[in-house]
Amino acid sequence: QVQLVESGGGLVQAGESLRLSCRTSGINFKIHRMGWYRQAPGKQREMVALITSGGGTDYADSVKGRFAISRDNAQNTVHLQMNSLKPEDTAVYYCNAYKEFFPRTEYWGQGTQVTVSS
């Protein structure tokens, strides 16, 4: 059974930091591209940060320089360090695991709420 379990969300003030974690089970973590996405009320889900199986990273322009994604293959866990948080970062944050080569697989966590007050 595949599970992606996020943790670390909460309510913070603007300028503060949070660290999200996503612990996975039931997948070959090392070969999956891992990512964090977010969805704010009334908006579409958007990519926040990605990290490939080889450690390459990509970020949305809105979080570059403030967020950092990392992975721990020994713990089957991916993290998102979020610094200098802004009210516009308020959203539900979802963990994603994606494998492109056959058979293509994609899994999502249940989401964790991040609320940034001004």
Protein backbone atom coordinates (compact mmCIF):
# COMPACT_ATOMS: atom_id res chain seq x y z
CA GLN A 1 0.00 0.00 0.00
CA VAL A 2 1.40 3.35 -1.09
CA GLN A 3 1.35 6.15 1.47
CA LEU A 4 2.62 9.71 1.33
CA VAL A 5 2.15 11.41 4.69
CA GLU A 6 2.85 15.12 5.03
CA SER A 7 3.59 16.88 8.28
CA GLY A 8 4.88 20.22 9.50
CA GLY A 9 2.15 22.58 8.40
CA GLY A 10 0.69 25.20 10.67
CA LEU A 11 -0.03 28.85 11.33
CA VAL A 12 2.87 31.30 11.30
CA GLN A 13 3.39 35.02 10.91
CA ALA A 14 4.87 36.62 7.83
CA GLY A 15 8.64 36.36 7.79
CA GLU A 16 8.74 33.15 9.80
CA SER A 17 9.76 29.67 8.66
CA LEU A 18 8.25 26.21 8.43
CA ARG A 19 9.65 22.86 7.42
CA LEU A 20 7.36 20.39 5.73
CA SER A 21 8.14 16.69 5.58
CA CYS A 22 6.65 13.89 3.53
CA ARG A 23 7.35 10.35 4.58
CA THR A 24 6.62 7.71 1.96
CA SER A 25 6.07 4.00 2.06
CA GLY A 26 5.17 1.38 -0.51
CA ILE A 27 7.17 2.93 -3.37
CA ASN A 28 10.73 2.70 -4.60
CA PHE A 29 11.50 6.17 -3.30
CA LYS A 30 14.97 6.47 -4.84
CA ILE A 31 13.71 6.30 -8.42
CA HIS A 32 10.83 8.75 -8.03
CA ARG A 33 10.91 12.44 -8.72
CA MET A 34 9.50 14.08 -5.60
CA GLY A 35 7.65 17.35 -5.49
CA TRP A 36 5.65 19.80 -3.45
CA TYR A 37 2.56 21.43 -4.88
CA ARG A 38 0.11 23.82 -3.30
CA GLN A 39 -3.47 24.88 -3.77
CA ALA A 40 -4.92 28.07 -2.37
CA PRO A 41 -8.70 28.58 -2.06
CA GLY A 42 -10.22 29.31 -5.44
CA LYS A 43 -6.98 28.66 -7.30
CA GLN A 44 -5.54 25.77 -9.27
CA ARG A 45 -2.93 23.49 -7.81
CA GLU A 46 0.56 24.72 -8.69
CA MET A 47 4.04 23.31 -8.55
CA VAL A 48 6.19 24.71 -5.76
CA ALA A 49 9.38 22.64 -5.88
CA LEU A 50 10.68 19.45 -7.51
CA ILE A 51 13.66 17.23 -6.85
CA THR A 52 14.71 14.50 -9.24
CA SER A 53 16.06 11.09 -8.33
CA GLY A 54 19.51 12.50 -9.05
CA GLY A 55 19.04 15.50 -6.80
CA GLY A 56 18.33 18.17 -9.39
CA THR A 57 15.88 20.82 -8.23
CA ASP A 58 13.38 23.21 -9.75
CA TYR A 59 11.30 25.91 -8.11
CA ALA A 60 8.38 28.14 -8.90
CA ASP A 61 9.57 31.70 -9.48
CA SER A 62 7.48 32.88 -6.53
CA VAL A 63 9.48 30.80 -4.02
CA LYS A 64 13.01 30.90 -5.47
CA GLY A 65 15.50 32.01 -2.86
CA ARG A 66 13.06 31.37 -0.02
CA PHE A 67 12.20 27.65 -0.24
CA ALA A 68 14.51 24.65 -0.45
CA ILE A 69 13.55 21.08 -1.27
CA SER A 70 15.66 18.14 -0.17
CA ARG A 71 15.36 14.39 -0.05
CA ASP A 72 16.60 11.70 2.30
CA ASN A 73 16.68 8.43 0.40
CA ALA A 74 17.60 6.48 3.53
CA GLN A 75 14.41 7.69 5.24
CA ASN A 76 12.21 7.73 2.12
CA THR A 77 11.39 11.31 3.00
CA VAL A 78 11.29 14.62 1.19
CA HIS A 79 11.44 17.99 2.94
CA LEU A 80 10.50 21.54 2.06
CA GLN A 81 12.20 24.27 4.05
CA MET A 82 10.16 27.44 3.75
CA ASN A 83 11.74 30.70 4.88
CA SER A 84 10.56 34.30 4.77
CA LEU A 85 6.98 33.15 4.44
CA LYS A 86 4.43 35.53 2.98
CA PRO A 87 0.63 35.62 3.30
CA GLU A 88 0.41 34.59 -0.37
CA ASP A 89 2.12 31.30 0.54
CA THR A 90 -1.05 30.31 2.40
CA ALA A 91 -2.35 27.09 0.86
CA VAL A 92 -2.71 23.36 1.29
CA TYR A 93 0.63 21.80 0.43
CA TYR A 94 0.71 18.39 -1.22
CA CYS A 95 3.54 15.91 -1.59
CA ASN A 96 3.90 14.20 -4.97
CA ALA A 97 5.85 11.17 -6.15
CA TYR A 98 6.25 10.68 -9.89
CA LYS A 99 7.98 8.08 -12.03
CA GLU A 100 7.97 8.76 -15.77
CA PHE A 101 9.37 5.57 -17.21
CA PHE A 102 7.13 2.57 -17.76
CA PRO A 103 5.03 1.86 -15.87
CA ARG A 104 4.35 5.52 -15.21
CA THR A 105 3.19 6.08 -11.64
CA GLU A 106 2.10 9.12 -9.68
CA TYR A 107 1.00 9.42 -6.08
CA TRP A 108 -0.25 12.25 -3.87
CA GLY A 109 -0.34 12.87 -0.17
CA GLN A 110 -3.41 14.11 1.66
CA GLY A 111 -2.07 17.63 2.09
CA THR A 112 -1.06 19.83 4.98
CA GLN A 113 -2.35 23.33 5.64
CA VAL A 114 0.06 26.26 5.76
CA THR A 115 -1.38 29.58 6.88
CA VAL A 116 0.71 32.75 6.96
CA SER A 117 -0.76 35.75 8.73
CA SER A 118 0.28 39.30 7.96
